[in-house]
């Protein structure tokens, strides 16, 4: 049998000419193939490749959309868990700093108490009323006088009993001085204060 289009010899049962690629009916007449048949028969590899690419592309897009959707769901959940912990930590830090700032300042250590000077052998302490400030500064030493009126005399007599006696301590508020003198002098001053007046004069 010959092809009615190109005249080449083809088989009796042929449906399509292998030379001119025309479609034939069983009676030898040509038939118009459908678009689907033409795509499936003439371009099977190209169509298959495009379809496969489209499928692969759809799979990639679907996979990435799923990842994006998962991120959109998970990230807010993580933020809802992490942010409260962070805020609580910040609040605790702020409270600790506030407590430190409001804590009272430590009290200064008390000044060490000066040890009382040791008394020399045979000496005794004596407290006398006296103002020994010299232009606001206490004198470091004093002279001690005894003022009395002798019997039968109308005039007072002043005698110096002790000279250049070191002052151990002085209280300006109470106007008192402390001195360390020999024990016999303490007795003399006590007896003198009975019969007269003991005067203390700062050494200028």
Protein backbone atom coordinates (compact mmCIF):
# COMPACT_ATOMS: atom_id res chain seq x y z
CA UNK A 1 0.00 0.00 0.00
CA UNK A 2 1.25 3.47 -0.86
CA UNK A 3 0.86 6.64 1.23
CA UNK A 4 -1.70 8.93 -0.44
CA UNK A 5 0.41 11.95 0.66
CA UNK A 6 4.00 11.10 -0.24
CA UNK A 7 3.55 7.94 -2.39
CA UNK A 8 5.96 5.87 -0.34
CA UNK A 9 5.26 2.20 0.27
CA UNK A 10 3.77 1.61 3.73
CA UNK A 11 2.14 -1.34 5.46
CA UNK A 12 -1.54 -2.15 4.95
CA UNK A 13 -2.38 -1.79 8.64
CA UNK A 14 -0.44 1.49 9.03
CA UNK A 15 -2.31 4.31 10.72
CA UNK A 16 0.44 6.91 10.20
CA UNK A 17 2.97 7.28 7.39
CA UNK A 18 6.45 6.79 8.69
CA UNK A 19 7.87 9.05 5.96
CA UNK A 20 5.67 12.13 5.88
CA UNK A 21 4.17 11.57 9.29
CA UNK A 22 0.61 12.00 8.01
CA UNK A 23 -2.19 10.17 9.80
CA UNK A 24 -4.12 7.61 7.80
CA UNK A 25 -7.47 5.89 8.26
CA UNK A 26 -7.90 2.18 7.76
CA UNK A 27 -9.27 2.85 4.30
CA UNK A 28 -6.12 4.73 3.37
CA UNK A 29 -7.50 8.24 3.90
CA UNK A 30 -5.76 10.80 6.03
CA UNK A 31 -7.16 11.80 9.43
CA UNK A 32 -6.40 14.94 11.42
CA UNK A 33 -4.79 14.00 14.76
CA UNK A 34 -5.96 15.73 17.89
CA UNK A 35 -3.74 18.17 19.69
CA UNK A 36 -3.31 15.78 22.60
CA UNK A 37 -2.25 12.93 20.32
CA UNK A 38 0.16 15.19 18.48
CA UNK A 39 1.78 16.34 21.73
CA UNK A 40 1.94 12.81 23.07
CA UNK A 41 3.35 11.28 19.87
CA UNK A 42 5.44 14.02 18.27
CA UNK A 43 6.95 15.59 21.42
CA UNK A 44 6.82 12.96 24.11
CA UNK A 45 10.22 13.72 25.66
CA UNK A 46 9.89 17.52 25.70
CA UNK A 47 6.37 17.38 27.12
CA UNK A 48 7.43 14.88 29.74
CA UNK A 49 10.42 17.03 30.70
CA UNK A 50 8.29 20.18 31.06
CA UNK A 51 5.66 18.35 33.06
CA UNK A 52 8.33 16.89 35.33
CA UNK A 53 9.89 20.34 35.79
CA UNK A 54 6.52 21.82 36.63
CA UNK A 55 5.89 19.07 39.16
CA UNK A 56 9.34 19.55 40.70
CA UNK A 57 8.82 23.30 40.83
CA UNK A 58 5.47 22.84 42.51
CA UNK A 59 7.00 20.47 45.04
CA UNK A 60 9.78 23.00 45.84
CA UNK A 61 7.30 25.85 46.18
CA UNK A 62 5.02 23.74 48.36
CA UNK A 63 7.93 22.68 50.59
CA UNK A 64 9.14 26.26 51.06
CA UNK A 65 5.64 27.54 51.72
CA UNK A 66 5.28 24.89 54.40
CA UNK A 67 8.58 26.00 55.97
CA UNK A 68 7.47 29.63 55.88
CA UNK A 69 4.12 28.76 57.41
CA UNK A 70 5.85 26.75 60.13
CA UNK A 71 8.16 29.70 60.91
CA UNK A 72 5.20 32.08 61.10
CA UNK A 73 3.54 29.79 63.65
CA UNK A 74 6.59 28.83 65.72
CA UNK A 75 8.32 32.23 65.99
CA UNK A 76 5.43 33.98 67.81
CA UNK A 77 5.18 31.00 70.18
CA UNK A 78 8.89 31.23 71.00
CA UNK A 79 8.58 34.99 71.46
CA UNK A 80 5.64 34.48 73.82
CA UNK A 81 7.80 32.16 75.94
CA UNK A 82 11.14 34.02 75.86
CA UNK A 83 9.96 37.64 76.24
CA UNK A 84 8.19 37.13 79.63
CA UNK A 85 11.31 35.45 81.06
CA UNK A 86 13.44 38.34 79.79
CA UNK A 87 11.08 40.93 81.30
CA UNK A 88 11.03 39.12 84.66
CA UNK A 89 14.84 39.03 84.71
CA UNK A 90 15.03 42.74 83.88
CA UNK A 91 12.55 43.55 86.67
CA UNK A 92 14.55 41.54 89.21
CA UNK A 93 17.75 43.30 88.14
CA UNK A 94 16.05 46.70 88.49
CA UNK A 95 14.76 45.84 91.99
CA UNK A 96 18.22 44.72 93.13
CA UNK A 97 19.77 47.94 91.81
CA UNK A 98 17.08 50.00 93.55
CA UNK A 99 17.70 48.21 96.86
CA UNK A 100 21.43 48.81 96.54
CA UNK A 101 20.89 52.51 95.80
CA UNK A 102 18.43 52.94 98.68
CA UNK A 103 20.50 51.00 101.20
CA UNK A 104 21.74 53.27 103.99
CA UNK A 105 25.37 54.20 103.88
CA UNK A 106 27.48 52.21 106.32
CA UNK A 107 28.16 54.03 109.54
CA UNK A 108 31.72 55.21 109.90
CA UNK A 109 33.83 53.20 112.23
CA UNK A 110 34.10 54.79 115.65
CA UNK A 111 37.31 56.62 116.30
CA UNK A 112 39.70 54.58 118.36
CA UNK A 113 39.72 55.56 122.00
CA UNK A 114 43.05 56.95 122.92
CA UNK A 115 44.65 55.02 125.69
CA UNK A 116 45.07 57.01 128.86
CA UNK A 117 48.67 57.84 129.49
CA UNK A 118 50.22 55.70 132.15
CA UNK A 119 50.76 57.45 135.45
CA UNK A 120 54.37 57.74 136.56
CA UNK A 121 55.11 56.03 139.85
CA UNK A 122 53.89 58.12 142.79
CA UNK A 123 51.63 60.35 140.63
CA UNK A 124 47.85 60.76 140.87
CA UNK A 125 45.29 62.34 138.50
CA UNK A 126 43.57 65.55 139.54
CA UNK A 127 40.60 67.40 138.01
CA UNK A 128 40.53 71.19 138.40
CA UNK A 129 38.05 73.83 137.27
CA UNK A 130 39.84 76.13 134.87
CA UNK A 131 39.53 77.84 131.51
CA UNK A 132 42.88 77.45 129.81
CA UNK A 133 41.93 78.39 126.24
CA UNK A 134 44.36 80.80 124.62
CA UNK A 135 42.74 82.45 121.59
CA UNK A 136 40.62 79.34 121.09
CA UNK A 137 43.49 76.88 121.50
CA UNK A 138 43.89 75.01 124.83
CA UNK A 139 47.18 75.50 126.59
CA UNK A 140 49.44 72.49 126.88
CA UNK A 141 50.73 73.41 130.33
CA UNK A 142 49.60 75.50 133.30
CA UNK A 143 50.89 77.18 136.44
CA UNK A 144 49.01 76.57 139.70
CA UNK A 145 48.68 79.31 142.29
CA UNK A 146 47.26 79.48 145.80
CA UNK A 147 45.42 82.65 146.83
CA UNK A 148 44.64 83.15 150.54
CA UNK A 149 44.36 85.83 153.22
CA UNK A 150 46.84 85.45 156.08
CA UNK A 151 45.52 85.75 159.61
CA UNK A 152 45.40 89.35 160.82
CA UNK A 153 45.88 90.71 157.26
CA UNK A 154 43.35 92.51 155.11
CA UNK A 155 45.12 91.73 151.85
CA UNK A 156 45.19 88.50 149.84
CA UNK A 157 48.44 86.82 149.08
CA UNK A 158 49.07 84.73 145.94
CA UNK A 159 51.75 82.05 145.94
CA UNK A 160 52.83 79.81 143.10
CA UNK A 161 52.53 76.18 144.14
CA UNK A 162 53.41 74.42 140.87
CA UNK A 163 54.95 75.56 137.62
CA UNK A 164 54.68 74.30 134.03
CA UNK A 165 52.40 71.35 134.80
CA UNK A 166 51.48 69.38 131.60
CA UNK A 167 47.75 69.24 130.80
CA UNK A 168 46.58 65.67 130.16
CA UNK A 169 43.06 66.55 128.94
CA UNK A 170 40.78 69.57 128.72
CA UNK A 171 36.98 69.93 128.47
CA UNK A 172 36.04 73.35 127.11
CA UNK A 173 32.32 72.75 127.72
CA UNK A 174 32.80 71.96 131.43
CA UNK A 175 35.95 74.06 131.79
CA UNK A 176 37.87 71.29 133.47
CA UNK A 177 41.44 70.14 133.12
CA UNK A 178 43.13 66.93 134.15
CA UNK A 179 46.67 66.89 135.39
CA UNK A 180 48.96 64.22 136.81
CA UNK A 181 51.00 65.35 139.78
CA UNK A 182 52.79 63.70 142.71
CA UNK A 183 50.52 62.34 145.40
CA UNK A 184 51.82 64.75 148.09
CA UNK A 185 51.04 67.73 145.84
CA UNK A 186 47.48 66.45 145.41
CA UNK A 187 47.08 66.53 149.20
CA UNK A 188 48.56 70.04 149.39
CA UNK A 189 46.18 71.36 146.73
CA UNK A 190 43.17 69.79 148.43
CA UNK A 191 44.16 71.35 151.74
CA UNK A 192 44.84 74.68 150.04
CA UNK A 193 41.39 74.73 148.45
CA UNK A 194 39.92 74.54 151.95
CA UNK A 195 41.72 77.57 153.33
CA UNK A 196 41.99 79.55 150.11
CA UNK A 197 41.53 79.48 146.35
CA UNK A 198 43.50 77.39 143.84
CA UNK A 199 44.03 79.25 140.57
CA UNK A 200 45.12 77.71 137.28
CA UNK A 201 46.75 79.95 134.69
CA UNK A 202 47.64 78.78 131.18
CA UNK A 203 51.21 79.30 130.08
CA UNK A 204 51.33 81.69 127.19
